[in-house]
C-alpha atoms as a PDB file:
ATOM      1  CA  GLY A   1      -0.116   0.210   0.280  1.00  0.00           C
ATOM      2  CA  ALA A   2       0.907   3.595  -0.484  1.00  0.00           C
ATOM      3  CA  ALA A   3       2.124   5.684   2.656  1.00  0.00           C
ATOM      4  CA  LEU A   4       1.134   9.507   2.929  1.00  0.00           C
ATOM      5  CA  ARG A   5       3.261  11.945   5.174  1.00  0.00           C
ATOM      6  CA  PHE A   6       1.641  14.938   6.039  1.00  0.00           C
ATOM      7  CA  MET A   7       4.106  18.158   6.648  1.00  0.00           C
ATOM      8  CA  PRO A   8       3.607  19.837  10.114  1.00  0.00           C
ATOM      9  CA  ARG A   9       3.089  23.217   9.187  1.00  0.00           C
ATOM     10  CA  VAL A  10       5.923  25.402  10.988  1.00  0.00           C
ATOM     11  CA  SER A  11       4.424  28.764  12.652  1.00  0.00           C
ATOM     12  CA  LEU A  12       6.579  31.980  12.136  1.00  0.00           C
ATOM     13  CA  PRO A  13       8.288  32.909  15.530  1.00  0.00           C
ATOM     14  CA  SER A  14       6.852  36.117  17.153  1.00  0.00           C
ATOM     15  CA  HIS A  15      10.131  38.227  15.388  1.00  0.00           C
ATOM     16  CA  TYR A  16       8.989  37.802  12.220  1.00  0.00           C
ATOM     17  CA  LEU A  17       5.343  38.845  13.028  1.00  0.00           C
ATOM     18  CA  GLY A  18       3.922  42.032  12.486  1.00  0.00           C
ATOM     19  CA  ASN A  19       6.651  43.907  10.629  1.00  0.00           C
ATOM     20  CA  GLN A  20       5.561  46.445   7.691  1.00  0.00           C
ATOM     21  CA  CYS A  21       5.681  45.592   4.194  1.00  0.00           C
ATOM     22  CA  VAL A  22       5.046  49.001   2.496  1.00  0.00           C
ATOM     23  CA  HIS A  23       4.079  49.225  -1.361  1.00  0.00           C
ATOM     24  CA  THR A  24       4.605  52.526  -3.050  1.00  0.00           C
ATOM     25  CA  GLU A  25       3.212  53.829  -6.319  1.00  0.00           C
ATOM     26  CA  ASN A  26       5.512  55.089  -9.165  1.00  0.00           C
ATOM     27  CA  LEU A  27       8.642  54.957  -6.678  1.00  0.00           C
ATOM     28  CA  LEU A  28      10.756  55.132 -10.064  1.00  0.00           C
ATOM     29  CA  THR A  29      10.396  57.532 -12.464  1.00  0.00           C
ATOM     30  CA  PRO A  30       9.802  56.945 -16.095  1.00  0.00           C
ATOM     31  CA  GLU A  31      13.308  57.971 -17.044  1.00  0.00           C
ATOM     32  CA  GLN A  32      15.238  55.930 -14.155  1.00  0.00           C
ATOM     33  CA  GLY A  33      12.737  52.760 -15.338  1.00  0.00           C
ATOM     34  CA  ASP A  34      14.269  53.334 -18.687  1.00  0.00           C
ATOM     35  CA  ARG A  35      17.759  53.697 -17.510  1.00  0.00           C
ATOM     36  CA  LEU A  36      17.654  50.715 -15.313  1.00  0.00           C
ATOM     37  CA  MET A  37      16.187  48.611 -18.178  1.00  0.00           C
ATOM     38  CA  ALA A  38      18.962  49.739 -20.384  1.00  0.00           C
ATOM     39  CA  LEU A  39      21.674  48.768 -17.789  1.00  0.00           C
ATOM     40  CA  THR A  40      19.734  45.490 -17.563  1.00  0.00           C
ATOM     41  CA  LYS A  41      20.256  45.041 -21.598  1.00  0.00           C
ATOM     42  CA  LYS A  42      24.033  46.443 -21.054  1.00  0.00           C
ATOM     43  CA  VAL A  43      24.678  43.452 -18.337  1.00  0.00           C
ATOM     44  CA  GLY A  44      22.910  40.984 -20.331  1.00  0.00           C
ATOM     45  CA  SER A  45      24.744  41.546 -23.478  1.00  0.00           C
ATOM     46  CA  SER A  46      28.009  41.489 -21.774  1.00  0.00           C
ATOM     47  CA  THR A  47      28.091  38.974 -19.115  1.00  0.00           C
ATOM     48  CA  GLY A  48      24.851  37.679 -18.966  1.00  0.00           C
ATOM     49  CA  PHE A  49      22.270  37.098 -15.880  1.00  0.00           C
ATOM     50  CA  SER A  50      24.225  33.869 -14.301  1.00  0.00           C
ATOM     51  CA  ALA A  51      21.528  31.763 -12.323  1.00  0.00           C
ATOM     52  CA  ASN A  52      20.786  32.874  -8.813  1.00  0.00           C
ATOM     53  CA  VAL A  53      22.148  29.642  -7.536  1.00  0.00           C
ATOM     54  CA  GLN A  54      25.372  30.302  -9.023  1.00  0.00           C
ATOM     55  CA  ALA A  55      25.123  34.146  -8.844  1.00  0.00           C
ATOM     56  CA  ALA A  56      24.325  35.178  -5.197  1.00  0.00           C
ATOM     57  CA  THR A  57      26.979  33.493  -3.346  1.00  0.00           C
ATOM     58  CA  TYR A  58      29.839  35.962  -2.278  1.00  0.00           C
ATOM     59  CA  ASP A  59      32.753  36.023  -4.643  1.00  0.00           C
ATOM     60  CA  GLY A  60      35.413  35.474  -2.053  1.00  0.00           C
ATOM     61  CA  ILE A  61      33.135  34.060   0.771  1.00  0.00           C
ATOM     62  CA  LYS A  62      35.268  33.187   3.686  1.00  0.00           C
ATOM     63  CA  HIS A  63      33.557  30.049   4.695  1.00  0.00           C
ATOM     64  CA  GLU A  64      31.597  28.686   1.938  1.00  0.00           C
ATOM     65  CA  SER A  65      30.303  25.420   3.959  1.00  0.00           C
ATOM     66  CA  ILE A  66      30.943  24.431   7.264  1.00  0.00           C
ATOM     67  CA  GLY A  67      31.977  21.042   6.674  1.00  0.00           C
ATOM     68  CA  GLU A  68      29.036  19.842   4.256  1.00  0.00           C
ATOM     69  CA  ASP A  69      31.294  19.874   1.219  1.00  0.00           C
ATOM     70  CA  GLN A  70      31.874  17.064  -1.191  1.00  0.00           C
ATOM     71  CA  PRO A  71      34.412  16.076  -3.923  1.00  0.00           C
ATOM     72  CA  MET A  72      32.790  16.468  -7.536  1.00  0.00           C
ATOM     73  CA  THR A  73      32.310  13.845  -9.693  1.00  0.00           C
ATOM     74  CA  PRO A  74      34.562  12.639 -12.407  1.00  0.00           C
ATOM     75  CA  GLU A  75      32.170  13.828 -14.888  1.00  0.00           C
ATOM     76  CA  GLY A  76      32.247  17.372 -12.598  1.00  0.00           C
ATOM     77  CA  GLY A  77      28.856  17.196 -11.679  1.00  0.00           C
ATOM     78  CA  CYS A  78      27.159  16.493  -7.784  1.00  0.00           C
ATOM     79  CA  GLU A  79      26.001  12.844  -6.618  1.00  0.00           C
ATOM     80  CA  HIS A  80      23.426  14.778  -4.076  1.00  0.00           C
ATOM     81  CA  SER A  81      20.203  16.674  -5.158  1.00  0.00           C
ATOM     82  CA  LEU A  82      20.782  19.313  -2.882  1.00  0.00           C
ATOM     83  CA  LEU A  83      24.712  20.245  -4.056  1.00  0.00           C
ATOM     84  CA  VAL A  84      25.950  22.478  -6.301  1.00  0.00           C
ATOM     85  CA  PRO A  85      29.447  23.155  -7.502  1.00  0.00           C
ATOM     86  CA  ASN A  86      30.918  26.012  -5.857  1.00  0.00           C
ATOM     87  CA  ARG A  87      32.231  28.810  -7.732  1.00  0.00           C
ATOM     88  CA  ALA A  88      35.737  27.682  -8.496  1.00  0.00           C
ATOM     89  CA  ARG A  89      34.132  24.151  -9.362  1.00  0.00           C
ATOM     90  CA  THR A  90      36.939  22.004  -7.397  1.00  0.00           C
ATOM     91  CA  ALA A  91      34.178  20.881  -4.966  1.00  0.00           C
ATOM     92  CA  CYS A  92      30.156  20.221  -4.008  1.00  0.00           C
ATOM     93  CA  ILE A  93      28.135  22.731  -1.936  1.00  0.00           C
ATOM     94  CA  LEU A  94      25.313  23.580  -0.472  1.00  0.00           C
ATOM     95  CA  PRO A  95      23.908  26.485  -2.179  1.00  0.00           C
ATOM     96  CA  GLY A  96      23.794  29.675  -0.488  1.00  0.00           C
ATOM     97  CA  ARG A  97      19.847  29.726  -0.466  1.00  0.00           C
ATOM     98  CA  VAL A  98      19.319  25.771   0.290  1.00  0.00           C
ATOM     99  CA  ASP A  99      16.807  26.578   2.544  1.00  0.00           C
ATOM    100  CA  VAL A 100      14.854  28.138   0.374  1.00  0.00           C
ATOM    101  CA  ALA A 101      14.897  25.578  -2.072  1.00  0.00           C
ATOM    102  CA  ARG A 102      14.325  22.417   0.020  1.00  0.00           C
ATOM    103  CA  HIS A 103      11.184  24.291   1.501  1.00  0.00           C
ATOM    104  CA  PHE A 104       9.940  24.992  -2.095  1.00  0.00           C
ATOM    105  CA  LEU A 105      10.604  21.526  -2.717  1.00  0.00           C
ATOM    106  CA  MET A 106       8.831  19.641  -0.168  1.00  0.00           C
ATOM    107  CA  THR A 107       5.762  22.265  -0.058  1.00  0.00           C
ATOM    108  CA  GLY A 108       5.506  23.456  -3.314  1.00  0.00           C
ATOM    109  CA  GLY A 109       5.453  27.028  -2.289  1.00  0.00           C
ATOM    110  CA  VAL A 110       2.619  29.697  -1.829  1.00  0.00           C
ATOM    111  CA  ASP A 111       1.602  28.091  -5.088  1.00  0.00           C
ATOM    112  CA  GLY A 112       1.409  24.659  -3.728  1.00  0.00           C
ATOM    113  CA  LEU A 113       2.710  23.260  -6.697  1.00  0.00           C
ATOM    114  CA  LYS A 114       2.721  19.281  -6.739  1.00  0.00           C
ATOM    115  CA  GLU A 115       5.217  18.748  -9.796  1.00  0.00           C
ATOM    116  CA  ASN A 116       8.366  16.336 -10.456  1.00  0.00           C
ATOM    117  CA  TYR A 117      11.761  17.318  -8.591  1.00  0.00           C
ATOM    118  CA  ALA A 118      13.003  18.503 -12.492  1.00  0.00           C
ATOM    119  CA  ASP A 119      10.493  20.914 -12.882  1.00  0.00           C
ATOM    120  CA  MET A 120      10.359  22.030  -9.507  1.00  0.00           C
ATOM    121  CA  VAL A 121      14.003  22.758  -9.713  1.00  0.00           C
ATOM    122  CA  SER A 122      13.841  24.685 -12.803  1.00  0.00           C
ATOM    123  CA  ARG A 123      11.286  27.337 -11.230  1.00  0.00           C
ATOM    124  CA  LEU A 124      13.720  28.257  -8.578  1.00  0.00           C
ATOM    125  CA  LEU A 125      16.740  28.955 -10.981  1.00  0.00           C
ATOM    126  CA  THR A 126      16.295  32.920 -11.282  1.00  0.00           C
ATOM    127  CA  PHE A 127      18.713  34.587 -12.701  1.00  0.00           C
ATOM    128  CA  GLY A 128      20.262  37.846 -11.288  1.00  0.00           C
ATOM    129  CA  LYS A 129      23.023  40.033 -10.919  1.00  0.00           C
ATOM    130  CA  PHE A 130      24.569  40.771  -7.326  1.00  0.00           C
ATOM    131  CA  VAL A 131      26.429  44.618  -7.040  1.00  0.00           C
ATOM    132  CA  TYR A 132      27.838  45.630  -4.067  1.00  0.00           C
ATOM    133  CA  ASP A 133      30.040  48.730  -5.372  1.00  0.00           C
ATOM    134  CA  ILE A 134      27.262  51.392  -6.019  1.00  0.00           C
ATOM    135  CA  ASP A 135      29.577  53.849  -7.168  1.00  0.00           C
ATOM    136  CA  GLY A 136      31.214  51.718  -9.762  1.00  0.00           C
ATOM    137  CA  GLU A 137      30.015  51.810 -13.300  1.00  0.00           C
ATOM    138  CA  PHE A 138      26.161  51.621 -12.649  1.00  0.00           C
ATOM    139  CA  THR A 139      26.032  55.390 -11.606  1.00  0.00           C
ATOM    140  CA  ILE A 140      22.225  55.289 -11.126  1.00  0.00           C
ATOM    141  CA  MET A 141      22.260  53.236  -7.628  1.00  0.00           C
ATOM    142  CA  ARG A 142      23.964  55.778  -5.692  1.00  0.00           C
ATOM    143  CA  GLU A 143      20.924  58.363  -7.470  1.00  0.00           C
ATOM    144  CA  LEU A 144      18.294  55.917  -6.420  1.00  0.00           C
ATOM    145  CA  PHE A 145      19.750  55.068  -3.043  1.00  0.00           C
ATOM    146  CA  GLU A 146      19.682  58.909  -2.219  1.00  0.00           C
ATOM    147  CA  ALA A 147      16.523  59.965  -3.920  1.00  0.00           C
ATOM    148  CA  GLU A 148      13.584  61.223  -1.468  1.00  0.00           C
ATOM    149  CA  ALA A 149      11.381  58.863  -2.739  1.00  0.00           C
ATOM    150  CA  PHE A 150      13.205  55.660  -1.729  1.00  0.00           C
ATOM    151  CA  GLN A 151      14.526  57.498   1.644  1.00  0.00           C
ATOM    152  CA  THR A 152      11.191  58.087   2.725  1.00  0.00           C
ATOM    153  CA  ALA A 153      10.039  54.901   2.005  1.00  0.00           C
ATOM    154  CA  ALA A 154      13.195  53.490   3.507  1.00  0.00           C
ATOM    155  CA  LYS A 155      12.560  55.165   6.595  1.00  0.00           C
ATOM    156  CA  ASP A 156       9.243  54.764   7.314  1.00  0.00           C
ATOM    157  CA  ILE A 157      10.587  50.645   7.684  1.00  0.00           C
ATOM    158  CA  CYS A 158      13.441  51.369  10.040  1.00  0.00           C
ATOM    159  CA  PRO A 159      13.154  51.128  13.906  1.00  0.00           C
ATOM    160  CA  PRO A 160      12.725  54.811  15.186  1.00  0.00           C
ATOM    161  CA  HIS A 161      16.262  55.288  17.133  1.00  0.00           C
ATOM    162  CA  GLN A 162      18.272  53.342  13.624  1.00  0.00           C
ATOM    163  CA  ARG A 163      17.300  55.415  10.447  1.00  0.00           C
ATOM    164  CA  THR A 164      20.669  56.270   9.544  1.00  0.00           C
ATOM    165  CA  LEU A 165      20.882  54.125   6.133  1.00  0.00           C
ATOM    166  CA  ASP A 166      24.118  52.805   4.736  1.00  0.00           C
ATOM    167  CA  PRO A 167      24.181  51.486   0.883  1.00  0.00           C
ATOM    168  CA  LEU A 168      25.029  47.381   0.825  1.00  0.00           C
ATOM    169  CA  GLN A 169      24.029  46.018  -2.220  1.00  0.00           C
ATOM    170  CA  PHE A 170      21.740  46.092  -5.437  1.00  0.00           C
ATOM    171  CA  ASN A 171      20.640  43.593  -7.079  1.00  0.00           C
ATOM    172  CA  VAL A 172      18.838  42.723 -10.308  1.00  0.00           C
ATOM    173  CA  ILE A 173      16.561  39.808 -10.533  1.00  0.00           C
ATOM    174  CA  ILE A 174      14.929  38.383 -13.821  1.00  0.00           C
ATOM    175  CA  ASN A 175      12.185  35.290 -13.908  1.00  0.00           C
ATOM    176  CA  LEU A 176      11.322  33.787 -17.108  1.00  0.00           C
ATOM    177  CA  PRO A 177       7.844  32.587 -17.538  1.00  0.00           C
ATOM    178  CA  GLY A 178       7.227  29.612 -14.970  1.00  0.00           C
ATOM    179  CA  GLN A 179       9.876  30.819 -12.366  1.00  0.00           C
ATOM    180  CA  SER A 180       9.098  32.008  -8.913  1.00  0.00           C
ATOM    181  CA  VAL A 181      11.064  33.763  -6.280  1.00  0.00           C
ATOM    182  CA  ALA A 182      10.232  31.037  -3.318  1.00  0.00           C
ATOM    183  CA  LEU A 183       9.777  31.793   0.114  1.00  0.00           C
ATOM    184  CA  HIS A 184      12.506  32.770   2.288  1.00  0.00           C
ATOM    185  CA  ILE A 185      14.041  36.020   4.187  1.00  0.00           C
ATOM    186  CA  ASP A 186      16.522  37.973   2.753  1.00  0.00           C
ATOM    187  CA  SER A 187      20.819  37.638   3.218  1.00  0.00           C
ATOM    188  CA  VAL A 188      21.127  38.430   7.135  1.00  0.00           C
ATOM    189  CA  HIS A 189      23.847  40.217   8.735  1.00  0.00           C
ATOM    190  CA  PHE A 190      24.632  39.948  12.171  1.00  0.00           C
ATOM    191  CA  TRP A 191      27.782  41.802  13.762  1.00  0.00           C
ATOM    192  CA  GLY A 192      30.611  39.173  13.039  1.00  0.00           C
ATOM    193  CA  ALA A 193      28.659  37.131  10.677  1.00  0.00           C
ATOM    194  CA  ASN A 194      27.131  38.189   7.523  1.00  0.00           C
ATOM    195  CA  ARG A 195      27.030  36.893   3.559  1.00  0.00           C
ATOM    196  CA  PHE A 196      30.552  37.644   2.843  1.00  0.00           C
ATOM    197  CA  SER A 197      31.840  34.960   5.623  1.00  0.00           C
ATOM    198  CA  TYR A 198      29.280  32.130   6.199  1.00  0.00           C
ATOM    199  CA  PRO A 199      26.737  30.255   3.856  1.00  0.00           C
ATOM    200  CA  GLU A 200      23.717  32.425   3.890  1.00  0.00           C
ATOM    201  CA  TRP A 201      21.111  29.546   5.108  1.00  0.00           C
ATOM    202  CA  LEU A 202      23.308  29.079   8.276  1.00  0.00           C
ATOM    203  CA  LEU A 203      22.349  32.791   8.933  1.00  0.00           C
ATOM    204  CA  ALA A 204      18.903  32.315   8.208  1.00  0.00           C
ATOM    205  CA  ALA A 205      18.635  29.472  10.660  1.00  0.00           C
ATOM    206  CA  MET A 206      20.473  31.457  13.298  1.00  0.00           C
ATOM    207  CA  SER A 207      18.176  34.706  12.846  1.00  0.00           C
ATOM    208  CA  PHE A 208      14.958  31.962  12.453  1.00  0.00           C
ATOM    209  CA  SER A 209      16.065  30.615  16.410  1.00  0.00           C
ATOM    210  CA  GLY A 210      15.863  33.901  17.500  1.00  0.00           C
ATOM    211  CA  LEU A 211      19.466  33.171  19.795  1.00  0.00           C
ATOM    212  CA  TRP A 212      21.720  35.865  18.472  1.00  0.00           C
ATOM    213  CA  ALA A 213      18.954  39.090  18.282  1.00  0.00           C
ATOM    214  CA  ASP A 214      21.605  41.297  20.346  1.00  0.00           C
ATOM    215  CA  ARG A 215      23.786  41.107  17.255  1.00  0.00           C
ATOM    216  CA  PHE A 216      20.932  41.354  14.392  1.00  0.00           C
ATOM    217  CA  VAL A 217      21.356  43.774  11.926  1.00  0.00           C
ATOM    218  CA  HIS A 218      18.286  46.134  10.784  1.00  0.00           C
ATOM    219  CA  GLN A 219      17.594  46.420   6.943  1.00  0.00           C
ATOM    220  CA  VAL A 220      15.533  47.670   4.560  1.00  0.00           C
ATOM    221  CA  GLN A 221      15.003  46.294   0.929  1.00  0.00           C
ATOM    222  CA  THR A 222      13.262  48.327  -1.678  1.00  0.00           C
ATOM    223  CA  VAL A 223      12.065  45.688  -4.481  1.00  0.00           C
ATOM    224  CA  ALA A 224      10.946  47.834  -7.496  1.00  0.00           C
ATOM    225  CA  TYR A 225       9.503  47.036 -11.214  1.00  0.00           C
ATOM    226  CA  TYR A 226      10.792  48.599 -13.966  1.00  0.00           C
ATOM    227  CA  HIS A 227       8.657  46.822 -16.503  1.00  0.00           C
ATOM    228  CA  ARG A 228       6.133  48.995 -18.334  1.00  0.00           C
ATOM    229  CA  TRP A 229       3.627  46.796 -19.550  1.00  0.00           C
ATOM    230  CA  GLU A 230       0.364  45.767 -17.282  1.00  0.00           C
ATOM    231  CA  ASP A 231      -1.027  42.662 -16.819  1.00  0.00           C
ATOM    232  CA  PRO A 232      -4.144  42.159 -18.202  1.00  0.00           C
ATOM    233  CA  PRO A 233      -4.794  46.087 -18.511  1.00  0.00           C
ATOM    234  CA  ASN A 234      -7.422  45.635 -15.908  1.00  0.00           C
ATOM    235  CA  GLY A 235      -4.905  45.029 -13.038  1.00  0.00           C
ATOM    236  CA  THR A 236      -6.087  41.680 -12.037  1.00  0.00           C
ATOM    237  CA  TYR A 237      -2.487  40.158 -13.008  1.00  0.00           C
ATOM    238  CA  SER A 238      -3.656  36.890 -13.827  1.00  0.00           C
ATOM    239  CA  SER A 239      -0.498  36.005 -15.292  1.00  0.00           C
ATOM    240  CA  GLY A 240       1.079  35.900 -11.642  1.00  0.00           C
ATOM    241  CA  GLY A 241       4.034  37.373 -10.294  1.00  0.00           C
ATOM    242  CA  GLN A 242       2.508  39.044  -6.964  1.00  0.00           C
ATOM    243  CA  TYR A 243       4.789  39.719  -4.438  1.00  0.00           C
ATOM    244  CA  VAL A 244       3.265  37.624  -1.159  1.00  0.00           C
ATOM    245  CA  PHE A 245       4.224  38.180   2.520  1.00  0.00           C
ATOM    246  CA  TYR A 246       2.989  37.194   5.958  1.00  0.00           C
ATOM    247  CA  ASP A 247       2.888  39.444   8.577  1.00  0.00           C
ATOM    248  CA  GLU A 248       1.189  36.949  10.692  1.00  0.00           C
ATOM    249  CA  ASN A 249       0.348  33.139  10.951  1.00  0.00           C
ATOM    250  CA  LYS A 250      -2.610  32.784   8.856  1.00  0.00           C
ATOM    251  CA  ALA A 251      -2.769  33.383   4.911  1.00  0.00           C
ATOM    252  CA  PRO A 252      -0.539  35.934   3.050  1.00  0.00           C
ATOM    253  CA  HIS A 253      -1.015  39.532   1.875  1.00  0.00           C
ATOM    254  CA  ALA A 254      -0.259  40.356  -1.235  1.00  0.00           C
ATOM    255  CA  HIS A 255       0.766  43.060  -3.821  1.00  0.00           C
ATOM    256  CA  PRO A 256       0.675  43.524  -7.496  1.00  0.00           C
ATOM    257  CA  PRO A 257       3.671  44.137  -9.338  1.00  0.00           C
ATOM    258  CA  THR A 258       2.915  47.331 -10.571  1.00  0.00           C
ATOM    259  CA  PRO A 259       5.069  49.068 -13.192  1.00  0.00           C
ATOM    260  CA  LEU A 260       7.462  51.366 -11.289  1.00  0.00           C
ATOM    261  CA  GLY A 261       5.991  51.088  -8.071  1.00  0.00           C
ATOM    262  CA  ALA A 262       7.729  49.451  -5.247  1.00  0.00           C
ATOM    263  CA  ILE A 263       7.581  47.473  -2.170  1.00  0.00           C
ATOM    264  CA  SER A 264       9.812  48.432   0.891  1.00  0.00           C
ATOM    265  CA  LEU A 265       9.924  45.808   4.014  1.00  0.00           C
ATOM    266  CA  ASP A 266      12.979  44.729   6.350  1.00  0.00           C
ATOM    267  CA  GLY A 267      13.329  41.474   4.400  1.00  0.00           C
ATOM    268  CA  THR A 268      15.456  39.757   6.888  1.00  0.00           C
ATOM    269  CA  LYS A 269      12.313  40.089   9.822  1.00  0.00           C
ATOM    270  CA  VAL A 270       9.775  38.983   6.962  1.00  0.00           C
ATOM    271  CA  VAL A 271       9.144  36.152   5.187  1.00  0.00           C
ATOM    272  CA  HIS A 272       8.133  36.548   1.256  1.00  0.00           C
ATOM    273  CA  ALA A 273       8.070  35.512  -1.909  1.00  0.00           C
ATOM    274  CA  SER A 274       6.822  36.036  -5.611  1.00  0.00           C
ATOM    275  CA  THR A 275       3.865  34.050  -6.912  1.00  0.00           C
ATOM    276  CA  ILE A 276       4.871  32.107 -10.094  1.00  0.00           C
ATOM    277  CA  TYR A 277       5.101  34.395 -13.513  1.00  0.00           C
ATOM    278  CA  LYS A 278       3.027  32.545 -16.045  1.00  0.00           C
ATOM    279  CA  LYS A 279       2.494  29.372 -14.101  1.00  0.00           C
ATOM    280  CA  GLU A 280       1.472  27.626 -16.923  1.00  0.00           C
ATOM    281  CA  GLU A 281       4.834  27.463 -18.670  1.00  0.00           C
ATOM    282  CA  LYS A 282       7.528  25.403 -17.744  1.00  0.00           C
ATOM    283  CA  LEU A 283      11.606  26.166 -18.508  1.00  0.00           C
ATOM    284  CA  PRO A 284      12.946  24.067 -21.427  1.00  0.00           C
ATOM    285  CA  VAL A 285      14.286  20.482 -20.396  1.00  0.00           C
ATOM    286  CA  GLY A 286      17.716  20.377 -20.336  1.00  0.00           C
ATOM    287  CA  LEU A 287      18.181  22.860 -17.142  1.00  0.00           C
ATOM    288  CA  ASN A 288      21.017  21.180 -15.106  1.00  0.00           C
ATOM    289  CA  LYS A 289      22.029  22.703 -11.619  1.00  0.00           C
ATOM    290  CA  ASP A 290      25.413  21.430 -12.171  1.00  0.00           C
ATOM    291  CA  LEU A 291      26.519  23.604 -15.356  1.00  0.00           C
ATOM    292  CA  PRO A 292      26.528  27.367 -15.910  1.00  0.00           C
ATOM    293  CA  ILE A 293      23.432  28.622 -16.916  1.00  0.00           C
ATOM    294  CA  ARG A 294      22.652  31.890 -18.049  1.00  0.00           C
ATOM    295  CA  ILE A 295      20.907  34.400 -19.949  1.00  0.00           C
ATOM    296  CA  LEU A 296      22.052  36.857 -22.703  1.00  0.00           C
ATOM    297  CA  TRP A 297      20.533  39.447 -24.034  1.00  0.00           C
ATOM    298  CA  ASP A 298      20.881  39.824 -28.126  1.00  0.00           C
ATOM    299  CA  GLU A 299      20.673  43.069 -29.356  1.00  0.00           C
ATOM    300  CA  GLU A 300      20.510  42.680 -32.960  1.00  0.00           C
ATOM    301  CA  ALA A 301      17.845  39.987 -32.842  1.00  0.00           C
ATOM    302  CA  GLU A 302      16.033  41.504 -29.467  1.00  0.00           C
ATOM    303  CA  LEU A 303      15.996  38.585 -28.061  1.00  0.00           C
ATOM    304  CA  TRP A 304      16.904  36.733 -24.105  1.00  0.00           C
ATOM    305  CA  HIS A 305      18.805  33.641 -24.966  1.00  0.00           C
ATOM    306  CA  LEU A 306      18.665  30.942 -22.513  1.00  0.00           C
ATOM    307  CA  GLU A 307      22.120  28.531 -22.006  1.00  0.00           C
ATOM    308  CA  CYS A 308      23.134  25.866 -20.372  1.00  0.00           C
ATOM    309  CA  GLY A 309      26.363  24.838 -20.160  1.00  0.00           C
ATOM    310  CA  GLY A 310      26.979  26.666 -23.139  1.00  0.00           C
ATOM    311  CA  GLN A 311      24.011  25.403 -24.772  1.00  0.00           C
ATOM    312  CA  ARG A 312      21.150  27.206 -26.627  1.00  0.00           C
ATOM    313  CA  LEU A 313      18.205  26.036 -24.812  1.00  0.00           C
ATOM    314  CA  ARG A 314      15.146  28.690 -25.772  1.00  0.00           C
ATOM    315  CA  SER A 315      14.954  31.854 -26.943  1.00  0.00           C
ATOM    316  CA  TYR A 316      12.388  34.915 -25.546  1.00  0.00           C
ATOM    317  CA  THR A 317      11.199  38.197 -26.404  1.00  0.00           C
ATOM    318  CA  MET A 318      10.818  41.342 -24.226  1.00  0.00           C
ATOM    319  CA  ASN A 319       7.463  40.583 -23.972  1.00  0.00           C
ATOM    320  CA  ASP A 320       7.526  37.207 -22.491  1.00  0.00           C
END
């Protein structure tokens, strides 16, 4: 006979409840949205955007594992389903957000998916660029951090006695049709332990425990959308991509991904996600977590090309 296994629902700890999540219409100006889109295409046509399972881990992290690393196979892969090659491709390690991946694979996320392992993994392999030098080549970053609209939204999230903002990083995240940013808290920083020194999944576990609250560093993240299309024109967003978050141990709240709008929160204290964008679509067969995966912008053809291990699997238009 068949055996059924029921996972008990996990209640969020008290320090993850009652925290603000504020939606701001038109936080970006149309001109800023255009510049961000141009920046995205510039990065896409030069280095491309790597899958976040590879891009998110800080290059130069002091401790990429805490002893769980394993040798790679002779074929250059990782035997365990949750291990991936490190940046140097010298060992297999847990990806920085294995906590996010494991939860999504076991529960189906906020959309309650019930799919096979390969399809679920492909939905997780979103793409991104993580920038820590905000005064580098992308000059719009400092401008956005210092903009009055951003400063106002950010300070409303900060504790009243801690409203001096110190910019840390700037991310560009891209979801292809069929993908989701699964439930998570953002990268946690403590005095003496952060993403530059330890795996992010370990920091998330430390935060969930509440044991190092006296060393916790408060943050504020603003997630801004710079696409310009409405989906659909009546604003019901039937294609998904809504920003969902939990401020209590009940059903989540949701904000729509309105063009040029933004959501501000301390993402290290609010469990959040995006619902699947175009849920009915699936990524191409052939995505392999053990190989380099990226998307590249082809300016001449005006297409985004999805590659895995150097092999082109599919192309997407900007309307996708």
